PDB file of all heavy atoms in Angstrom:
ATOM      1  N   PRO A   1      61.200  33.030 -45.226  1.00  0.00           N
ATOM      2  CA  PRO A   1      61.081  31.588 -44.941  1.00  0.00           C
ATOM      3  C   PRO A   1      60.180  31.375 -43.731  1.00  0.00           C
ATOM      4  O   PRO A   1      60.395  31.984 -42.679  1.00  0.00           O
ATOM      5  CB  PRO A   1      62.513  31.152 -44.677  1.00  0.00           C
ATOM      6  CG  PRO A   1      63.206  32.403 -44.199  1.00  0.00           C
ATOM      7  CD  PRO A   1      62.519  33.561 -44.870  1.00  0.00           C
ATOM      8  N   ALA A   2      59.177  30.557 -43.881  1.00  0.00           N
ATOM      9  CA  ALA A   2      58.077  30.493 -42.921  1.00  0.00           C
ATOM     10  C   ALA A   2      58.514  30.145 -41.502  1.00  0.00           C
ATOM     11  O   ALA A   2      58.141  30.823 -40.544  1.00  0.00           O
ATOM     12  CB  ALA A   2      57.028  29.491 -43.419  1.00  0.00           C
ATOM     13  N   VAL A   3      59.273  29.084 -41.344  1.00  0.00           N
ATOM     14  CA  VAL A   3      59.643  28.663 -39.992  1.00  0.00           C
ATOM     15  C   VAL A   3      60.597  29.661 -39.338  1.00  0.00           C
ATOM     16  O   VAL A   3      60.349  30.096 -38.202  1.00  0.00           O
ATOM     17  CB  VAL A   3      60.220  27.230 -40.010  1.00  0.00           C
ATOM     18  CG1 VAL A   3      60.782  26.848 -38.655  1.00  0.00           C
ATOM     19  CG2 VAL A   3      59.127  26.235 -40.421  1.00  0.00           C
ATOM     20  N   PRO A   4      61.672  30.082 -39.995  1.00  0.00           N
ATOM     21  CA  PRO A   4      62.522  31.112 -39.379  1.00  0.00           C
ATOM     22  C   PRO A   4      61.786  32.425 -39.104  1.00  0.00           C
ATOM     23  O   PRO A   4      62.142  33.169 -38.181  1.00  0.00           O
ATOM     24  CB  PRO A   4      63.634  31.324 -40.417  1.00  0.00           C
ATOM     25  CG  PRO A   4      63.709  30.032 -41.159  1.00  0.00           C
ATOM     26  CD  PRO A   4      62.278  29.566 -41.244  1.00  0.00           C
ATOM     27  N   ALA A   5      60.735  32.719 -39.893  1.00  0.00           N
ATOM     28  CA  ALA A   5      59.988  33.964 -39.719  1.00  0.00           C
ATOM     29  C   ALA A   5      59.038  33.922 -38.529  1.00  0.00           C
ATOM     30  O   ALA A   5      58.437  34.936 -38.190  1.00  0.00           O
ATOM     31  CB  ALA A   5      59.204  34.278 -40.988  1.00  0.00           C
ATOM     32  N   GLY A   6      58.890  32.766 -37.929  1.00  0.00           N
ATOM     33  CA  GLY A   6      58.012  32.656 -36.773  1.00  0.00           C
ATOM     34  C   GLY A   6      56.902  31.640 -36.931  1.00  0.00           C
ATOM     35  O   GLY A   6      56.151  31.375 -35.997  1.00  0.00           O
ATOM     36  N   GLY A   7      56.780  31.084 -38.135  1.00  0.00           N
ATOM     37  CA  GLY A   7      55.859  29.983 -38.365  1.00  0.00           C
ATOM     38  C   GLY A   7      54.416  30.263 -37.993  1.00  0.00           C
ATOM     39  O   GLY A   7      53.871  31.337 -38.263  1.00  0.00           O
ATOM     40  N   ILE A   8      53.803  29.292 -37.336  1.00  0.00           N
ATOM     41  CA  ILE A   8      52.391  29.369 -36.997  1.00  0.00           C
ATOM     42  C   ILE A   8      52.118  30.534 -36.053  1.00  0.00           C
ATOM     43  O   ILE A   8      51.109  31.236 -36.174  1.00  0.00           O
ATOM     44  CB  ILE A   8      51.935  28.030 -36.382  1.00  0.00           C
ATOM     45  CG1 ILE A   8      51.982  26.924 -37.456  1.00  0.00           C
ATOM     46  CG2 ILE A   8      50.528  28.138 -35.795  1.00  0.00           C
ATOM     47  CD1 ILE A   8      51.882  25.530 -36.911  1.00  0.00           C
ATOM     48  N   GLY A   9      53.027  30.765 -35.112  1.00  0.00           N
ATOM     49  CA  GLY A   9      52.855  31.878 -34.185  1.00  0.00           C
ATOM     50  C   GLY A   9      52.797  33.214 -34.909  1.00  0.00           C
ATOM     51  O   GLY A   9      51.959  34.073 -34.589  1.00  0.00           O
ATOM     52  N   MET A  10      53.650  33.392 -35.897  1.00  0.00           N
ATOM     53  CA  MET A  10      53.647  34.632 -36.682  1.00  0.00           C
ATOM     54  C   MET A  10      52.360  34.769 -37.478  1.00  0.00           C
ATOM     55  O   MET A  10      51.749  35.843 -37.531  1.00  0.00           O
ATOM     56  CB  MET A  10      54.856  34.654 -37.615  1.00  0.00           C
ATOM     57  CG  MET A  10      54.872  35.840 -38.566  1.00  0.00           C
ATOM     58  SD  MET A  10      55.079  37.441 -37.741  1.00  0.00           S
ATOM     59  CE  MET A  10      56.873  37.514 -37.649  1.00  0.00           C
ATOM     60  N   LEU A  11      51.923  33.699 -38.119  1.00  0.00           N
ATOM     61  CA  LEU A  11      50.696  33.737 -38.918  1.00  0.00           C
ATOM     62  C   LEU A  11      49.487  34.104 -38.056  1.00  0.00           C
ATOM     63  O   LEU A  11      48.656  34.928 -38.447  1.00  0.00           O
ATOM     64  CB  LEU A  11      50.470  32.388 -39.598  1.00  0.00           C
ATOM     65  CG  LEU A  11      51.427  32.070 -40.754  1.00  0.00           C
ATOM     66  CD1 LEU A  11      51.432  30.579 -41.047  1.00  0.00           C
ATOM     67  CD2 LEU A  11      51.044  32.857 -42.001  1.00  0.00           C
ATOM     68  N   ASN A  12      49.393  33.498 -36.889  1.00  0.00           N
ATOM     69  CA  ASN A  12      48.280  33.804 -35.991  1.00  0.00           C
ATOM     70  C   ASN A  12      48.343  35.240 -35.492  1.00  0.00           C
ATOM     71  O   ASN A  12      47.306  35.906 -35.344  1.00  0.00           O
ATOM     72  CB  ASN A  12      48.270  32.833 -34.815  1.00  0.00           C
ATOM     73  CG  ASN A  12      47.871  31.422 -35.217  1.00  0.00           C
ATOM     74  OD1 ASN A  12      47.187  31.227 -36.221  1.00  0.00           O
ATOM     75  ND2 ASN A  12      48.297  30.429 -34.459  1.00  0.00           N
ATOM     76  N   ALA A  13      49.550  35.730 -35.245  1.00  0.00           N
ATOM     77  CA  ALA A  13      49.703  37.105 -34.762  1.00  0.00           C
ATOM     78  C   ALA A  13      49.332  38.114 -35.844  1.00  0.00           C
ATOM     79  O   ALA A  13      48.713  39.152 -35.562  1.00  0.00           O
ATOM     80  CB  ALA A  13      51.139  37.335 -34.294  1.00  0.00           C
ATOM     81  N   ILE A  14      49.705  37.830 -37.089  1.00  0.00           N
ATOM     82  CA  ILE A  14      49.403  38.738 -38.201  1.00  0.00           C
ATOM     83  C   ILE A  14      47.909  38.773 -38.492  1.00  0.00           C
ATOM     84  O   ILE A  14      47.371  39.803 -38.919  1.00  0.00           O
ATOM     85  CB  ILE A  14      50.193  38.316 -39.463  1.00  0.00           C
ATOM     86  CG1 ILE A  14      51.688  38.645 -39.282  1.00  0.00           C
ATOM     87  CG2 ILE A  14      49.663  39.000 -40.716  1.00  0.00           C
ATOM     88  CD1 ILE A  14      52.563  38.173 -40.433  1.00  0.00           C
ATOM     89  N   TYR A  15      47.219  37.666 -38.241  1.00  0.00           N
ATOM     90  CA  TYR A  15      45.796  37.591 -38.565  1.00  0.00           C
ATOM     91  C   TYR A  15      44.984  38.662 -37.828  1.00  0.00           C
ATOM     92  O   TYR A  15      44.035  39.224 -38.389  1.00  0.00           O
ATOM     93  CB  TYR A  15      45.249  36.211 -38.238  1.00  0.00           C
ATOM     94  CG  TYR A  15      43.778  36.060 -38.572  1.00  0.00           C
ATOM     95  CD1 TYR A  15      43.362  35.928 -39.890  1.00  0.00           C
ATOM     96  CD2 TYR A  15      42.811  36.074 -37.560  1.00  0.00           C
ATOM     97  CE1 TYR A  15      42.017  35.803 -40.208  1.00  0.00           C
ATOM     98  CE2 TYR A  15      41.466  35.957 -37.871  1.00  0.00           C
ATOM     99  CZ  TYR A  15      41.073  35.815 -39.190  1.00  0.00           C
ATOM    100  OH  TYR A  15      39.747  35.705 -39.502  1.00  0.00           O
ATOM    101  N   GLY A  16      45.360  38.972 -36.612  1.00  0.00           N
ATOM    102  CA  GLY A  16      44.624  39.963 -35.829  1.00  0.00           C
ATOM    103  C   GLY A  16      44.516  41.323 -36.513  1.00  0.00           C
ATOM    104  O   GLY A  16      43.426  41.792 -36.843  1.00  0.00           O
ATOM    105  N   PRO A  17      45.669  41.976 -36.794  1.00  0.00           N
ATOM    106  CA  PRO A  17      45.610  43.296 -37.418  1.00  0.00           C
ATOM    107  C   PRO A  17      45.431  43.275 -38.929  1.00  0.00           C
ATOM    108  O   PRO A  17      45.040  44.276 -39.532  1.00  0.00           O
ATOM    109  CB  PRO A  17      46.965  43.903 -37.053  1.00  0.00           C
ATOM    110  CG  PRO A  17      47.874  42.731 -36.903  1.00  0.00           C
ATOM    111  CD  PRO A  17      47.023  41.639 -36.332  1.00  0.00           C
ATOM    112  N   LEU A  18      45.714  42.145 -39.572  1.00  0.00           N
ATOM    113  CA  LEU A  18      45.685  42.078 -41.037  1.00  0.00           C
ATOM    114  C   LEU A  18      44.904  40.842 -41.500  1.00  0.00           C
ATOM    115  O   LEU A  18      45.435  39.955 -42.177  1.00  0.00           O
ATOM    116  CB  LEU A  18      47.117  42.037 -41.587  1.00  0.00           C
ATOM    117  CG  LEU A  18      47.994  43.257 -41.238  1.00  0.00           C
ATOM    118  CD1 LEU A  18      49.461  42.946 -41.471  1.00  0.00           C
ATOM    119  CD2 LEU A  18      47.561  44.462 -42.054  1.00  0.00           C
ATOM    120  N   PRO A  19      43.618  40.772 -41.171  1.00  0.00           N
ATOM    121  CA  PRO A  19      42.838  39.569 -41.484  1.00  0.00           C
ATOM    122  C   PRO A  19      42.496  39.401 -42.956  1.00  0.00           C
ATOM    123  O   PRO A  19      42.017  38.338 -43.352  1.00  0.00           O
ATOM    124  CB  PRO A  19      41.565  39.768 -40.644  1.00  0.00           C
ATOM    125  CG  PRO A  19      41.411  41.257 -40.558  1.00  0.00           C
ATOM    126  CD  PRO A  19      42.815  41.789 -40.468  1.00  0.00           C
ATOM    127  N   ASP A  20      42.745  40.433 -43.757  1.00  0.00           N
ATOM    128  CA  ASP A  20      42.404  40.351 -45.184  1.00  0.00           C
ATOM    129  C   ASP A  20      43.518  39.737 -46.022  1.00  0.00           C
ATOM    130  O   ASP A  20      43.380  39.612 -47.238  1.00  0.00           O
ATOM    131  CB  ASP A  20      42.060  41.744 -45.729  1.00  0.00           C
ATOM    132  CG  ASP A  20      43.170  42.757 -45.495  1.00  0.00           C
ATOM    133  OD1 ASP A  20      43.946  42.590 -44.539  1.00  0.00           O
ATOM    134  OD2 ASP A  20      43.248  43.739 -46.261  1.00  0.00           O
ATOM    135  N   ILE A  21      44.613  39.342 -45.400  1.00  0.00           N
ATOM    136  CA  ILE A  21      45.749  38.760 -46.117  1.00  0.00           C
ATOM    137  C   ILE A  21      45.677  37.240 -46.054  1.00  0.00           C
ATOM    138  O   ILE A  21      45.439  36.664 -44.989  1.00  0.00           O
ATOM    139  CB  ILE A  21      47.085  39.241 -45.531  1.00  0.00           C
ATOM    140  CG1 ILE A  21      47.181  40.770 -45.566  1.00  0.00           C
ATOM    141  CG2 ILE A  21      48.246  38.606 -46.276  1.00  0.00           C
ATOM    142  CD1 ILE A  21      47.146  41.367 -46.962  1.00  0.00           C
ATOM    143  N   THR A  22      45.889  36.587 -47.197  1.00  0.00           N
ATOM    144  CA  THR A  22      45.916  35.129 -47.269  1.00  0.00           C
ATOM    145  C   THR A  22      47.332  34.676 -47.607  1.00  0.00           C
ATOM    146  O   THR A  22      47.960  35.216 -48.515  1.00  0.00           O
ATOM    147  CB  THR A  22      44.946  34.621 -48.346  1.00  0.00           C
ATOM    148  OG1 THR A  22      43.640  35.125 -48.067  1.00  0.00           O
ATOM    149  CG2 THR A  22      44.902  33.096 -48.356  1.00  0.00           C
ATOM    150  N   PHE A  23      47.811  33.678 -46.886  1.00  0.00           N
ATOM    151  CA  PHE A  23      49.209  33.265 -47.016  1.00  0.00           C
ATOM    152  C   PHE A  23      49.384  31.860 -47.597  1.00  0.00           C
ATOM    153  O   PHE A  23      48.533  30.984 -47.439  1.00  0.00           O
ATOM    154  CB  PHE A  23      49.881  33.275 -45.638  1.00  0.00           C
ATOM    155  CG  PHE A  23      50.142  34.635 -45.087  1.00  0.00           C
ATOM    156  CD1 PHE A  23      49.233  35.225 -44.221  1.00  0.00           C
ATOM    157  CD2 PHE A  23      51.282  35.349 -45.438  1.00  0.00           C
ATOM    158  CE1 PHE A  23      49.466  36.490 -43.697  1.00  0.00           C
ATOM    159  CE2 PHE A  23      51.520  36.614 -44.928  1.00  0.00           C
ATOM    160  CZ  PHE A  23      50.607  37.190 -44.050  1.00  0.00           C
ATOM    161  N   CYS A  24      50.554  31.712 -48.238  1.00  0.00           N
ATOM    162  CA  CYS A  24      51.106  30.401 -48.580  1.00  0.00           C
ATOM    163  C   CYS A  24      52.472  30.339 -47.897  1.00  0.00           C
ATOM    164  O   CYS A  24      53.480  30.752 -48.479  1.00  0.00           O
ATOM    165  CB  CYS A  24      51.261  30.245 -50.087  1.00  0.00           C
ATOM    166  SG  CYS A  24      52.134  28.722 -50.569  1.00  0.00           S
ATOM    167  N   PRO A  25      52.528  29.882 -46.646  1.00  0.00           N
ATOM    168  CA  PRO A  25      53.817  29.794 -45.970  1.00  0.00           C
ATOM    169  C   PRO A  25      54.711  28.743 -46.635  1.00  0.00           C
ATOM    170  O   PRO A  25      54.254  27.661 -46.982  1.00  0.00           O
ATOM    171  CB  PRO A  25      53.454  29.405 -44.535  1.00  0.00           C
ATOM    172  CG  PRO A  25      52.081  28.830 -44.621  1.00  0.00           C
ATOM    173  CD  PRO A  25      51.413  29.459 -45.792  1.00  0.00           C
ATOM    174  N   THR A  26      55.963  29.095 -46.811  1.00  0.00           N
ATOM    175  CA  THR A  26      56.925  28.215 -47.478  1.00  0.00           C
ATOM    176  C   THR A  26      58.282  28.365 -46.801  1.00  0.00           C
ATOM    177  O   THR A  26      58.689  29.473 -46.471  1.00  0.00           O
ATOM    178  CB  THR A  26      57.068  28.600 -48.964  1.00  0.00           C
ATOM    179  OG1 THR A  26      55.787  28.580 -49.590  1.00  0.00           O
ATOM    180  CG2 THR A  26      57.987  27.637 -49.696  1.00  0.00           C
ATOM    181  N   GLY A  27      58.967  27.255 -46.607  1.00  0.00           N
ATOM    182  CA  GLY A  27      60.312  27.308 -46.032  1.00  0.00           C
ATOM    183  C   GLY A  27      60.363  26.626 -44.683  1.00  0.00           C
ATOM    184  O   GLY A  27      59.917  27.188 -43.685  1.00  0.00           O
ATOM    185  N   GLY A  28      60.829  25.381 -44.666  1.00  0.00           N
ATOM    186  CA  GLY A  28      60.952  24.647 -43.411  1.00  0.00           C
ATOM    187  C   GLY A  28      59.729  23.828 -43.052  1.00  0.00           C
ATOM    188  O   GLY A  28      59.677  23.236 -41.973  1.00  0.00           O
ATOM    189  N   ILE A  29      58.727  23.783 -43.937  1.00  0.00           N
ATOM    190  CA  ILE A  29      57.505  23.025 -43.666  1.00  0.00           C
ATOM    191  C   ILE A  29      57.666  21.601 -44.193  1.00  0.00           C
ATOM    192  O   ILE A  29      58.222  21.386 -45.270  1.00  0.00           O
ATOM    193  CB  ILE A  29      56.288  23.716 -44.320  1.00  0.00           C
ATOM    194  CG1 ILE A  29      56.111  25.120 -43.726  1.00  0.00           C
ATOM    195  CG2 ILE A  29      55.017  22.890 -44.110  1.00  0.00           C
ATOM    196  CD1 ILE A  29      55.053  25.945 -44.409  1.00  0.00           C
ATOM    197  N   SER A  30      57.162  20.647 -43.424  1.00  0.00           N
ATOM    198  CA  SER A  30      57.308  19.237 -43.781  1.00  0.00           C
ATOM    199  C   SER A  30      55.944  18.565 -43.845  1.00  0.00           C
ATOM    200  O   SER A  30      54.917  19.150 -43.487  1.00  0.00           O
ATOM    201  CB  SER A  30      58.166  18.518 -42.732  1.00  0.00           C
ATOM    202  OG  SER A  30      57.484  18.502 -41.475  1.00  0.00           O
ATOM    203  N   GLN A  31      55.949  17.332 -44.299  1.00  0.00           N
ATOM    204  CA  GLN A  31      54.723  16.521 -44.316  1.00  0.00           C
ATOM    205  C   GLN A  31      54.099  16.474 -42.922  1.00  0.00           C
ATOM    206  O   GLN A  31      52.882  16.511 -42.774  1.00  0.00           O
ATOM    207  CB  GLN A  31      55.069  15.105 -44.785  1.00  0.00           C
ATOM    208  CG  GLN A  31      53.952  14.083 -44.643  1.00  0.00           C
ATOM    209  CD  GLN A  31      52.945  14.131 -45.769  1.00  0.00           C
ATOM    210  OE1 GLN A  31      53.269  14.563 -46.863  1.00  0.00           O
ATOM    211  NE2 GLN A  31      51.735  13.693 -45.499  1.00  0.00           N
ATOM    212  N   GLU A  32      54.955  16.437 -41.888  1.00  0.00           N
ATOM    213  CA  GLU A  32      54.476  16.292 -40.519  1.00  0.00           C
ATOM    214  C   GLU A  32      53.870  17.586 -39.967  1.00  0.00           C
ATOM    215  O   GLU A  32      52.966  17.540 -39.119  1.00  0.00           O
ATOM    216  CB  GLU A  32      55.624  15.837 -39.605  1.00  0.00           C
ATOM    217  CG  GLU A  32      56.122  14.419 -39.865  1.00  0.00           C
ATOM    218  CD  GLU A  32      56.878  14.267 -41.180  1.00  0.00           C
ATOM    219  OE1 GLU A  32      57.578  15.230 -41.585  1.00  0.00           O
ATOM    220  OE2 GLU A  32      56.776  13.190 -41.810  1.00  0.00           O
TER     221      GLU A  32
END
């Protein structure tokens, strides 16, 4: 689940060592 997993901070952190991965974060995301 995206937000419990660390949300935007986690995605940005993963991008550094694993830039070839593309994500669809799901779980806890809202219109806002």
